[in-house]
Protein backbone atom coordinates (compact mmCIF):
# COMPACT_ATOMS: atom_id res chain seq x y z
CA MET A 1 0.00 0.00 0.00
CA ARG A 2 2.83 2.41 0.88
CA ASP A 3 4.53 1.92 -2.50
CA ARG A 4 1.29 2.47 -4.39
CA LEU A 5 0.52 5.67 -2.47
CA ARG A 6 4.06 6.95 -3.00
CA GLU A 7 3.73 6.33 -6.76
CA GLU A 8 0.33 8.04 -6.90
CA LEU A 9 1.66 11.13 -5.11
CA ARG A 10 4.99 11.39 -6.94
CA GLY A 11 5.20 14.59 -8.97
CA ARG A 12 1.87 15.95 -7.75
CA ALA A 13 0.99 19.01 -5.73
CA ILE A 14 -0.55 17.81 -2.46
CA VAL A 15 -3.45 19.77 -1.01
CA ALA A 16 -3.83 19.50 2.75
CA HIS A 17 -5.12 21.35 5.75
CA ASN A 18 -2.13 21.98 8.04
CA ALA A 19 0.26 20.84 5.33
CA ASP A 20 3.29 20.88 7.64
CA PHE A 21 1.83 17.87 9.48
CA GLU A 22 1.14 16.02 6.22
CA ARG A 23 4.61 16.83 4.88
CA HIS A 24 6.21 15.34 7.99
CA PHE A 25 3.90 12.32 8.10
CA LEU A 26 4.12 11.45 4.40
CA GLY A 27 7.87 12.07 4.29
CA ARG A 28 8.50 9.83 7.28
CA TRP A 29 6.05 6.99 6.69
CA ILE A 30 5.39 6.92 2.94
CA GLY A 31 8.55 8.18 1.27
CA GLY A 32 11.27 10.70 2.06
CA GLU A 33 10.90 12.38 -1.33
CA LEU A 34 7.40 13.51 -0.30
CA SER A 35 9.02 15.86 2.20
CA SER A 36 10.10 18.02 -0.72
CA ALA A 37 6.85 17.75 -2.70
CA VAL A 38 4.77 20.86 -3.43
CA TYR A 39 2.12 21.30 -0.74
CA LEU A 40 -0.85 23.66 -0.90
CA ASP A 41 -2.08 24.43 2.59
CA THR A 42 -5.76 25.28 2.87
CA GLN A 43 -4.94 27.20 6.04
CA ASP A 44 -3.23 29.76 3.78
CA LEU A 45 -6.38 30.06 1.67
CA LEU A 46 -8.63 30.33 4.71
CA ALA A 47 -6.41 32.99 6.31
CA VAL A 48 -6.91 35.20 3.25
CA ALA A 49 -10.57 34.37 2.56
CA HIS A 50 -11.75 34.32 6.18
CA PRO A 51 -9.58 36.81 8.10
CA ASP A 52 -12.44 37.24 10.59
CA ALA A 53 -12.41 33.55 11.60
CA PRO A 54 -11.59 32.89 15.26
CA ASP A 55 -9.09 30.21 14.20
CA LEU A 56 -8.03 28.20 11.16
CA ARG A 57 -8.85 24.70 12.40
CA LEU A 58 -10.61 22.47 9.89
CA GLU A 59 -13.24 21.54 12.44
CA SER A 60 -14.15 25.21 12.92
CA PHE A 61 -14.84 25.57 9.20
CA THR A 62 -16.77 22.31 8.83
CA ARG A 63 -18.90 23.39 11.78
CA SER A 64 -19.54 26.93 10.50
CA MET A 65 -19.96 26.07 6.80
CA PHE A 66 -21.81 22.75 7.03
CA GLY A 67 -22.98 22.32 10.63
CA THR A 68 -21.01 19.10 10.98
CA GLU A 69 -18.28 17.98 13.34
CA GLU A 70 -14.86 16.81 12.20
CA ARG A 71 -14.11 13.14 12.89
CA HIS A 72 -10.30 13.43 12.90
CA ARG A 73 -9.75 10.48 10.55
CA ALA A 74 -7.55 10.77 7.46
CA LEU A 75 -10.21 10.07 4.84
CA ASP A 76 -12.83 12.18 6.62
CA ASP A 77 -10.35 15.06 6.95
CA ALA A 78 -9.49 14.82 3.25
CA ALA A 79 -13.20 14.86 2.36
CA ASP A 80 -13.82 17.81 4.70
CA THR A 81 -10.89 19.69 3.18
CA LEU A 82 -12.36 19.12 -0.28
CA ARG A 83 -15.80 20.25 0.90
CA VAL A 84 -14.36 23.48 2.32
CA MET A 85 -12.41 24.11 -0.91
CA ALA A 86 -15.53 23.43 -2.99
CA ARG A 87 -17.58 25.81 -0.84
CA ILE A 88 -14.98 28.53 -1.36
CA ALA A 89 -14.84 27.86 -5.11
CA PHE A 90 -18.64 28.04 -5.46
CA GLY A 91 -18.70 31.16 -3.31
CA ALA A 92 -16.10 32.74 -5.56
CA GLN A 93 -17.98 31.73 -8.69
CA GLY A 94 -21.15 33.15 -7.17
CA GLY A 95 -19.46 36.50 -6.56
CA GLU A 96 -19.43 36.46 -2.74
CA PRO A 97 -17.60 39.62 -1.62
CA ARG A 98 -15.21 37.88 0.79
CA TYR A 99 -13.82 35.73 -2.04
CA ALA A 100 -13.55 38.69 -4.41
CA ALA A 101 -11.54 40.48 -1.70
CA ALA A 102 -9.35 37.40 -1.20
CA ARG A 103 -8.74 37.12 -4.95
CA SER A 104 -7.83 40.80 -5.14
CA ALA A 105 -5.42 40.51 -2.21
CA LEU A 106 -3.71 37.47 -3.72
CA ALA A 107 -3.55 39.03 -7.18
CA ASN A 108 -1.88 42.12 -5.72
CA TYR A 109 0.41 40.56 -3.11
CA ALA A 110 0.93 36.95 -4.21
CA PRO A 111 0.31 36.91 -7.98
CA ASP A 112 1.86 33.44 -8.32
CA SER A 113 -0.47 31.94 -5.71
CA PRO A 114 -1.99 28.64 -6.82
CA TRP A 115 -5.14 29.63 -4.91
CA LEU A 116 -5.99 32.27 -7.52
CA ALA A 117 -7.33 29.53 -9.80
CA LEU A 118 -9.74 28.34 -7.08
CA LEU A 119 -10.94 31.90 -6.58
CA ALA A 120 -11.46 32.46 -10.33
CA GLY A 121 -14.71 34.19 -10.98
CA ALA A 122 -14.71 36.13 -7.72
CA GLY A 123 -15.69 39.64 -8.69
CA GLU A 124 -15.49 38.86 -12.43
CA ALA A 125 -18.33 39.20 -14.90
CA GLY A 126 -19.60 35.92 -16.34
CA ALA A 127 -18.36 33.76 -13.47
CA ARG A 128 -18.95 30.05 -13.90
CA THR A 129 -21.67 28.51 -11.77
CA GLU A 130 -21.36 24.87 -12.74
CA PRO A 131 -19.07 22.54 -10.78
CA ALA A 132 -15.49 22.24 -11.96
CA GLY A 133 -14.49 19.12 -13.89
CA GLU A 134 -13.48 15.81 -12.39
CA ARG A 135 -9.86 16.81 -12.13
CA SER A 136 -10.69 19.32 -9.36
CA HIS A 137 -11.81 16.45 -7.14
CA ALA A 138 -8.32 14.98 -6.84
CA VAL A 139 -6.47 15.32 -3.56
CA ALA A 140 -3.23 15.62 -5.47
CA SER A 141 -2.76 17.35 -8.79
CA ARG A 142 -0.11 17.09 -11.48
CA VAL A 143 -0.33 20.86 -12.02
CA PRO A 144 2.91 22.39 -10.75
CA ALA A 145 2.36 25.02 -8.10
CA ARG A 146 4.52 27.16 -5.88
CA ARG A 147 4.09 26.82 -2.16
CA VAL A 148 2.53 29.89 -0.54
CA ARG A 149 3.30 30.48 3.13
CA ARG A 150 1.51 32.88 5.39
CA ASP A 151 1.56 33.40 9.13
CA ARG A 152 -1.39 31.51 10.49
CA ARG A 153 -3.50 31.81 13.60
CA GLU A 154 -3.89 28.41 15.22
């Protein structure tokens, strides 16, 4: 199982909430080369899109966005991370002001941010309203991305 997971993740950008934990875990238990993989931390996205949040814990966002509690299991956490990302993407496509502000901030201060693609449509005329294609449902993507780091509130 470890070899198969290592092969599936090789060369992909890995999306995670609290990516430093995942980097350490995957690097130690799955394959050392995963320590140097590209990680996209949803805490960075949430810090920009939800600066008014009391904290950046995944469970706080699943509770506030969906009214559900986090189960603290790997698969459940991955699914919750995807749900939060999808909610942000649909909010951006629907023109919600907080996501337009986040897109503007990233465009001005971090123009190479991989999160700009997720926020596409925020504040733009003709924003898409249909779900993104199947590829957006992957936990890891072959699209190269640069790691964006921000100070985070825990």
